[in-house]
């Protein structure tokens, strides 16, 4: 009878990754990071995490020692709004598990501009209501 090594249980994150990470640009200097959950391996194998960012986007990087994504300054002109695809690989030396997620960066919207737009819409709606009540 030949015995081989026991079957391997693939590595995993302690908690599930989100499918989308949403981030908004800022007007002022703001550092941002996303810390990946801790990894688990039932077989007690050492697990490494590798993150590949689709495209050549220098403003976002993976810091392996801290297991986190990082953007040094969300207000920087180099931070371009858009959808960025990330491939995350967990490797325990015997199995590699791949996950994909999206880093969604939206543009900065000035709160004052949004507030002014809402006020103008409310004024316009009131003007319509006044016009209707006057004609009745």
N, C-alpha and C. Protein backbone atom coordinates (compact mmCIF):
# COMPACT_ATOMS: atom_id res chain seq x y z
N UNK A 1 0.84 -1.17 0.00
CA UNK A 1 0.00 0.00 0.00
C UNK A 1 0.90 1.25 0.00
N UNK A 2 0.57 2.21 -0.84
CA UNK A 2 1.36 3.43 -0.95
C UNK A 2 0.57 4.58 -0.35
N UNK A 3 1.22 5.29 0.56
CA UNK A 3 0.57 6.44 1.17
C UNK A 3 1.25 7.70 0.66
N UNK A 4 0.45 8.65 0.25
CA UNK A 4 0.99 9.93 -0.19
C UNK A 4 0.71 10.98 0.86
N UNK A 5 1.09 12.19 0.57
CA UNK A 5 0.80 13.26 1.52
C UNK A 5 -0.71 13.46 1.61
N UNK A 6 -1.18 13.94 2.74
CA UNK A 6 -2.63 14.18 2.86
C UNK A 6 -3.05 15.26 1.88
N UNK A 7 -4.31 15.23 1.47
CA UNK A 7 -4.77 16.26 0.53
C UNK A 7 -4.65 17.65 1.17
N UNK A 8 -4.37 18.60 0.33
CA UNK A 8 -4.18 19.97 0.80
C UNK A 8 -5.51 20.71 0.83
N UNK A 9 -5.70 21.50 1.87
CA UNK A 9 -6.84 22.41 1.93
C UNK A 9 -6.33 23.77 1.45
N UNK A 10 -6.93 24.32 0.40
CA UNK A 10 -6.44 25.59 -0.14
C UNK A 10 -6.53 26.72 0.89
N UNK A 11 -5.65 27.71 0.76
CA UNK A 11 -5.69 28.86 1.67
C UNK A 11 -6.91 29.73 1.39
N UNK A 12 -7.25 30.56 2.36
CA UNK A 12 -8.40 31.46 2.20
C UNK A 12 -8.19 32.70 3.07
N UNK A 13 -9.02 33.71 2.84
CA UNK A 13 -9.06 34.86 3.74
C UNK A 13 -10.02 34.53 4.87
N UNK A 14 -9.78 35.09 6.06
CA UNK A 14 -10.68 34.84 7.20
C UNK A 14 -12.08 35.35 6.92
N UNK A 15 -12.17 36.47 6.23
CA UNK A 15 -13.47 37.01 5.80
C UNK A 15 -13.42 37.23 4.30
N UNK A 16 -14.57 37.14 3.67
CA UNK A 16 -14.64 37.28 2.22
C UNK A 16 -14.23 38.68 1.77
N UNK A 17 -13.57 38.73 0.61
CA UNK A 17 -13.23 40.03 0.03
C UNK A 17 -14.47 40.65 -0.60
N UNK A 18 -14.56 41.97 -0.59
CA UNK A 18 -15.67 42.59 -1.30
C UNK A 18 -15.43 42.44 -2.81
N UNK A 19 -16.48 42.44 -3.60
CA UNK A 19 -16.28 42.36 -5.05
C UNK A 19 -15.86 43.72 -5.60
N UNK A 20 -16.28 44.79 -4.92
CA UNK A 20 -15.92 46.15 -5.34
C UNK A 20 -15.48 46.95 -4.11
N UNK A 21 -14.36 47.66 -4.26
CA UNK A 21 -13.92 48.60 -3.25
C UNK A 21 -14.11 49.99 -3.85
N UNK A 22 -14.96 50.79 -3.23
CA UNK A 22 -15.26 52.12 -3.76
C UNK A 22 -14.49 53.19 -3.00
N UNK A 23 -13.86 54.08 -3.75
CA UNK A 23 -13.06 55.16 -3.18
C UNK A 23 -13.37 56.43 -3.96
N UNK A 24 -13.50 57.55 -3.26
CA UNK A 24 -13.71 58.84 -3.92
C UNK A 24 -12.48 59.71 -3.77
N UNK A 25 -12.15 60.40 -4.86
CA UNK A 25 -11.05 61.36 -4.79
C UNK A 25 -11.43 62.44 -3.78
N UNK A 26 -10.44 63.14 -3.27
CA UNK A 26 -10.68 64.19 -2.29
C UNK A 26 -10.09 65.50 -2.80
N UNK A 27 -10.54 66.58 -2.20
CA UNK A 27 -10.03 67.89 -2.58
C UNK A 27 -8.69 68.16 -1.89
N UNK A 28 -8.55 67.68 -0.66
CA UNK A 28 -7.34 67.90 0.12
C UNK A 28 -6.55 66.61 0.24
N UNK A 29 -5.29 66.74 0.59
CA UNK A 29 -4.42 65.58 0.76
C UNK A 29 -5.07 64.56 1.69
N UNK A 30 -5.23 63.35 1.20
CA UNK A 30 -5.78 62.26 2.01
C UNK A 30 -5.12 60.96 1.59
N UNK A 31 -4.44 60.32 2.54
CA UNK A 31 -3.88 59.00 2.27
C UNK A 31 -5.01 57.98 2.45
N UNK A 32 -4.98 56.90 1.67
CA UNK A 32 -6.02 55.88 1.73
C UNK A 32 -5.36 54.50 1.69
N UNK A 33 -5.97 53.55 2.40
CA UNK A 33 -5.51 52.17 2.27
C UNK A 33 -6.67 51.21 2.51
N UNK A 34 -6.53 50.03 1.97
CA UNK A 34 -7.45 48.92 2.22
C UNK A 34 -6.61 47.76 2.73
N UNK A 35 -6.87 47.32 3.94
CA UNK A 35 -6.14 46.20 4.55
C UNK A 35 -6.88 44.90 4.22
N UNK A 36 -6.17 43.99 3.60
CA UNK A 36 -6.76 42.69 3.31
C UNK A 36 -6.96 41.92 4.61
N UNK A 37 -8.00 41.09 4.67
CA UNK A 37 -8.21 40.27 5.87
C UNK A 37 -7.03 39.31 6.07
N UNK A 38 -6.88 38.82 7.28
CA UNK A 38 -5.86 37.81 7.54
C UNK A 38 -6.18 36.56 6.75
N UNK A 39 -5.16 35.77 6.51
CA UNK A 39 -5.34 34.52 5.78
C UNK A 39 -5.39 33.35 6.75
N UNK A 40 -6.01 32.28 6.31
CA UNK A 40 -6.06 31.04 7.10
C UNK A 40 -5.68 29.87 6.20
N UNK A 41 -5.04 28.90 6.80
CA UNK A 41 -4.71 27.67 6.10
C UNK A 41 -4.85 26.53 7.10
N UNK A 42 -5.82 25.68 6.85
CA UNK A 42 -6.14 24.58 7.76
C UNK A 42 -4.93 23.67 7.97
N UNK A 43 -4.09 23.54 6.94
CA UNK A 43 -2.92 22.66 7.00
C UNK A 43 -1.72 23.35 7.65
N UNK A 44 -1.91 24.58 8.13
CA UNK A 44 -0.83 25.37 8.73
C UNK A 44 0.34 25.65 7.79
N UNK A 45 0.05 25.67 6.48
CA UNK A 45 1.07 26.07 5.52
C UNK A 45 1.22 27.59 5.57
N UNK A 46 2.40 28.07 5.25
CA UNK A 46 2.61 29.51 5.17
C UNK A 46 1.92 30.03 3.91
N UNK A 47 1.17 31.10 4.05
CA UNK A 47 0.39 31.65 2.93
C UNK A 47 0.98 32.97 2.48
N UNK A 48 1.18 33.12 1.18
CA UNK A 48 1.62 34.40 0.63
C UNK A 48 0.46 35.00 -0.17
N UNK A 49 0.40 36.32 -0.17
CA UNK A 49 -0.64 37.04 -0.90
C UNK A 49 0.05 37.86 -1.97
N UNK A 50 -0.44 37.75 -3.20
CA UNK A 50 0.10 38.53 -4.32
C UNK A 50 -1.07 39.28 -4.95
N UNK A 51 -0.87 40.56 -5.21
CA UNK A 51 -1.91 41.37 -5.84
C UNK A 51 -1.37 41.94 -7.13
N UNK A 52 -2.11 41.71 -8.22
CA UNK A 52 -1.75 42.26 -9.52
C UNK A 52 -2.81 43.28 -9.89
N UNK A 53 -2.35 44.49 -10.17
CA UNK A 53 -3.26 45.58 -10.52
C UNK A 53 -3.27 45.71 -12.03
N UNK A 54 -4.46 45.59 -12.63
CA UNK A 54 -4.58 45.66 -14.08
C UNK A 54 -4.14 47.02 -14.61
N UNK A 55 -3.23 47.02 -15.57
CA UNK A 55 -2.73 48.27 -16.13
C UNK A 55 -1.54 48.79 -15.36
N UNK A 56 -1.01 49.87 -15.82
CA UNK A 56 0.17 50.46 -15.17
C UNK A 56 -0.25 51.73 -14.44
N UNK A 57 -0.85 51.57 -13.30
CA UNK A 57 -1.35 52.70 -12.53
C UNK A 57 -0.47 52.89 -11.31
N UNK A 58 0.44 53.84 -11.41
CA UNK A 58 1.45 54.04 -10.37
C UNK A 58 0.86 54.61 -9.08
N UNK A 59 -0.35 55.16 -9.13
CA UNK A 59 -0.90 55.80 -7.93
C UNK A 59 -1.42 54.80 -6.89
N UNK A 60 -1.65 53.56 -7.29
CA UNK A 60 -2.09 52.55 -6.32
C UNK A 60 -1.04 51.45 -6.27
N UNK A 61 -0.70 51.04 -5.05
CA UNK A 61 0.29 49.99 -4.94
C UNK A 61 -0.13 49.01 -3.85
N UNK A 62 0.42 47.82 -3.96
CA UNK A 62 0.20 46.80 -2.95
C UNK A 62 1.42 46.75 -2.05
N UNK A 63 1.20 46.91 -0.75
CA UNK A 63 2.28 46.85 0.24
C UNK A 63 2.25 45.47 0.86
N UNK A 64 3.14 44.62 0.42
CA UNK A 64 3.12 43.21 0.82
C UNK A 64 3.35 43.04 2.32
N UNK A 65 4.25 43.80 2.90
CA UNK A 65 4.57 43.63 4.32
C UNK A 65 3.36 43.91 5.22
N UNK A 66 2.45 44.78 4.77
CA UNK A 66 1.25 45.11 5.55
C UNK A 66 -0.02 44.50 4.96
N UNK A 67 0.12 43.79 3.85
CA UNK A 67 -1.01 43.19 3.14
C UNK A 67 -2.13 44.22 2.91
N UNK A 68 -1.75 45.33 2.25
CA UNK A 68 -2.75 46.37 2.01
C UNK A 68 -2.53 47.05 0.67
N UNK A 69 -3.63 47.56 0.12
CA UNK A 69 -3.58 48.45 -1.04
C UNK A 69 -3.41 49.85 -0.49
N UNK A 70 -2.70 50.69 -1.24
CA UNK A 70 -2.44 52.02 -0.73
C UNK A 70 -2.44 53.04 -1.86
N UNK A 71 -3.07 54.18 -1.58
CA UNK A 71 -2.98 55.35 -2.46
C UNK A 71 -2.44 56.46 -1.57
N UNK A 72 -1.29 57.00 -1.95
CA UNK A 72 -0.61 57.98 -1.10
C UNK A 72 -1.42 59.26 -0.90
N UNK A 73 -2.11 59.71 -1.96
CA UNK A 73 -2.87 60.97 -1.87
C UNK A 73 -4.04 60.93 -2.83
N UNK A 74 -5.25 60.84 -2.29
CA UNK A 74 -6.45 60.79 -3.13
C UNK A 74 -6.71 62.09 -3.88
N UNK A 75 -6.09 63.19 -3.49
CA UNK A 75 -6.31 64.47 -4.17
C UNK A 75 -5.34 64.66 -5.35
N UNK A 76 -4.38 63.77 -5.50
CA UNK A 76 -3.37 63.91 -6.54
C UNK A 76 -3.98 63.84 -7.94
N UNK A 77 -3.42 64.63 -8.84
CA UNK A 77 -3.89 64.61 -10.23
C UNK A 77 -3.55 63.30 -10.92
N UNK A 78 -2.64 62.51 -10.36
CA UNK A 78 -2.31 61.21 -10.95
C UNK A 78 -3.35 60.14 -10.65
N UNK A 79 -4.21 60.39 -9.66
CA UNK A 79 -5.28 59.45 -9.32
C UNK A 79 -6.42 59.69 -10.31
N UNK A 80 -6.60 58.74 -11.19
CA UNK A 80 -7.57 58.87 -12.26
C UNK A 80 -8.83 58.08 -11.95
N UNK A 81 -10.00 58.75 -11.95
CA UNK A 81 -11.25 58.01 -11.71
C UNK A 81 -11.43 56.90 -12.75
N UNK A 82 -11.99 55.80 -12.30
CA UNK A 82 -12.24 54.68 -13.20
C UNK A 82 -12.31 53.38 -12.43
N UNK A 83 -12.46 52.30 -13.18
CA UNK A 83 -12.53 50.96 -12.59
C UNK A 83 -11.22 50.25 -12.86
N UNK A 84 -10.61 49.74 -11.79
CA UNK A 84 -9.34 49.06 -11.88
C UNK A 84 -9.52 47.63 -11.39
N UNK A 85 -9.08 46.69 -12.20
CA UNK A 85 -9.27 45.29 -11.89
C UNK A 85 -8.04 44.75 -11.17
N UNK A 86 -8.30 44.04 -10.09
CA UNK A 86 -7.21 43.48 -9.29
C UNK A 86 -7.36 41.97 -9.21
N UNK A 87 -6.24 41.29 -9.37
CA UNK A 87 -6.21 39.84 -9.19
C UNK A 87 -5.46 39.59 -7.89
N UNK A 88 -6.09 38.86 -7.00
CA UNK A 88 -5.51 38.54 -5.70
C UNK A 88 -5.26 37.04 -5.67
N UNK A 89 -4.02 36.66 -5.38
CA UNK A 89 -3.66 35.25 -5.32
C UNK A 89 -3.18 34.88 -3.93
N UNK A 90 -3.74 33.81 -3.40
CA UNK A 90 -3.27 33.23 -2.14
C UNK A 90 -2.55 31.95 -2.51
N UNK A 91 -1.34 31.79 -1.99
CA UNK A 91 -0.54 30.62 -2.33
C UNK A 91 0.02 30.02 -1.04
N UNK A 92 -0.21 28.72 -0.86
CA UNK A 92 0.33 28.04 0.33
C UNK A 92 1.46 27.08 -0.03
N UNK A 93 2.00 27.22 -1.23
CA UNK A 93 3.08 26.35 -1.67
C UNK A 93 2.60 25.09 -2.36
N UNK A 94 1.32 24.77 -2.18
CA UNK A 94 0.75 23.59 -2.84
C UNK A 94 -0.43 23.96 -3.73
N UNK A 95 -1.20 24.94 -3.31
CA UNK A 95 -2.35 25.39 -4.09
C UNK A 95 -2.33 26.91 -4.19
N UNK A 96 -2.85 27.41 -5.29
CA UNK A 96 -3.02 28.86 -5.48
C UNK A 96 -4.50 29.12 -5.71
N UNK A 97 -5.03 30.04 -4.93
CA UNK A 97 -6.44 30.44 -5.05
C UNK A 97 -6.45 31.86 -5.60
N UNK A 98 -7.24 32.09 -6.65
CA UNK A 98 -7.33 33.42 -7.24
C UNK A 98 -8.68 34.04 -6.98
N UNK A 99 -8.67 35.32 -6.66
CA UNK A 99 -9.90 36.09 -6.53
C UNK A 99 -9.72 37.36 -7.34
N UNK A 100 -10.83 37.90 -7.79
CA UNK A 100 -10.78 39.16 -8.54
C UNK A 100 -11.69 40.16 -7.86
N UNK A 101 -11.23 41.40 -7.86
CA UNK A 101 -12.08 42.46 -7.35
C UNK A 101 -11.82 43.73 -8.13
N UNK A 102 -12.71 44.69 -7.94
CA UNK A 102 -12.63 45.96 -8.67
C UNK A 102 -12.39 47.08 -7.67
N UNK A 103 -11.43 47.93 -7.99
CA UNK A 103 -11.20 49.16 -7.24
C UNK A 103 -11.85 50.26 -8.06
N UNK A 104 -12.94 50.82 -7.55
CA UNK A 104 -13.72 51.84 -8.26
C UNK A 104 -13.38 53.21 -7.66
N UNK A 105 -12.77 54.06 -8.47
CA UNK A 105 -12.41 55.39 -8.00
C UNK A 105 -13.31 56.41 -8.68
N UNK A 106 -14.04 57.17 -7.86
CA UNK A 106 -14.93 58.20 -8.40
C UNK A 106 -14.30 59.57 -8.19
N UNK A 107 -14.73 60.50 -9.02
CA UNK A 107 -14.18 61.85 -8.97
C UNK A 107 -14.69 62.60 -7.76
N UNK A 108 -13.93 63.57 -7.34
CA UNK A 108 -14.30 64.45 -6.24
C UNK A 108 -15.48 65.31 -6.67
N UNK A 109 -16.49 65.41 -5.83
CA UNK A 109 -17.63 66.29 -6.09
C UNK A 109 -17.71 67.26 -4.92
N UNK A 110 -17.61 68.54 -5.25
CA UNK A 110 -17.66 69.55 -4.19
C UNK A 110 -19.04 69.55 -3.55
N UNK A 111 -19.08 69.46 -2.23
CA UNK A 111 -20.34 69.44 -1.50
C UNK A 111 -21.12 70.73 -1.74
N UNK A 112 -20.42 71.85 -1.83
CA UNK A 112 -21.09 73.13 -2.06
C UNK A 112 -21.81 73.13 -3.40
N UNK A 113 -21.17 72.58 -4.44
CA UNK A 113 -21.79 72.54 -5.76
C UNK A 113 -23.05 71.68 -5.74
N UNK A 114 -23.00 70.56 -5.06
CA UNK A 114 -24.16 69.68 -4.96
C UNK A 114 -25.27 70.39 -4.19
N UNK A 115 -24.93 71.07 -3.09
CA UNK A 115 -25.93 71.78 -2.29
C UNK A 115 -26.58 72.88 -3.11
N UNK A 116 -25.80 73.63 -3.89
CA UNK A 116 -26.36 74.69 -4.74
C UNK A 116 -27.32 74.11 -5.77
N UNK A 117 -26.96 72.97 -6.35
CA UNK A 117 -27.81 72.33 -7.35
C UNK A 117 -29.13 71.89 -6.73
N UNK A 118 -29.09 71.33 -5.53
CA UNK A 118 -30.31 70.90 -4.84
C UNK A 118 -31.19 72.11 -4.54
N UNK A 119 -30.60 73.20 -4.08
CA UNK A 119 -31.36 74.42 -3.79
C UNK A 119 -32.03 74.95 -5.05
N UNK A 120 -31.30 74.97 -6.16
CA UNK A 120 -31.86 75.45 -7.42
C UNK A 120 -33.02 74.55 -7.87
N UNK A 121 -32.87 73.24 -7.71
CA UNK A 121 -33.95 72.32 -8.07
C UNK A 121 -35.18 72.55 -7.20
N UNK A 122 -34.97 72.78 -5.89
CA UNK A 122 -36.09 73.05 -4.99
C UNK A 122 -36.78 74.36 -5.35
N UNK A 123 -36.00 75.38 -5.69
CA UNK A 123 -36.58 76.66 -6.10
C UNK A 123 -37.39 76.49 -7.38
N UNK A 124 -36.85 75.75 -8.31
CA UNK A 124 -37.56 75.52 -9.57
C UNK A 124 -38.86 74.77 -9.32
N UNK A 125 -38.83 73.78 -8.45
CA UNK A 125 -40.04 73.00 -8.13
C UNK A 125 -41.07 73.89 -7.45
N UNK A 126 -40.62 74.77 -6.55
CA UNK A 126 -41.55 75.68 -5.87
C UNK A 126 -42.14 76.66 -6.87
N UNK A 127 -41.32 77.12 -7.82
CA UNK A 127 -41.80 78.04 -8.85
C UNK A 127 -42.90 77.40 -9.68
N UNK A 128 -42.74 76.14 -10.00
CA UNK A 128 -43.75 75.40 -10.75
C UNK A 128 -45.02 75.28 -9.92
N UNK A 129 -44.85 74.98 -8.64
CA UNK A 129 -46.02 74.84 -7.75
C UNK A 129 -46.75 76.17 -7.61
N UNK A 130 -46.01 77.27 -7.50
CA UNK A 130 -46.63 78.59 -7.38
C UNK A 130 -47.38 78.93 -8.65
N UNK A 131 -46.79 78.63 -9.82
CA UNK A 131 -47.42 78.94 -11.09
C UNK A 131 -48.72 78.15 -11.24
N UNK A 132 -48.72 76.91 -10.84
CA UNK A 132 -49.92 76.07 -10.94
C UNK A 132 -51.00 76.60 -10.01
N UNK A 133 -50.63 76.98 -8.79
CA UNK A 133 -51.65 77.44 -7.84
C UNK A 133 -52.21 78.79 -8.27
N UNK A 134 -51.41 79.62 -8.93
CA UNK A 134 -51.89 80.93 -9.38
C UNK A 134 -52.87 80.78 -10.54
N UNK A 135 -52.70 79.79 -11.36
CA UNK A 135 -53.56 79.64 -12.53
C UNK A 135 -54.86 78.95 -12.20
N UNK A 136 -54.99 78.39 -11.01
CA UNK A 136 -56.21 77.67 -10.63
C UNK A 136 -57.26 78.58 -10.13
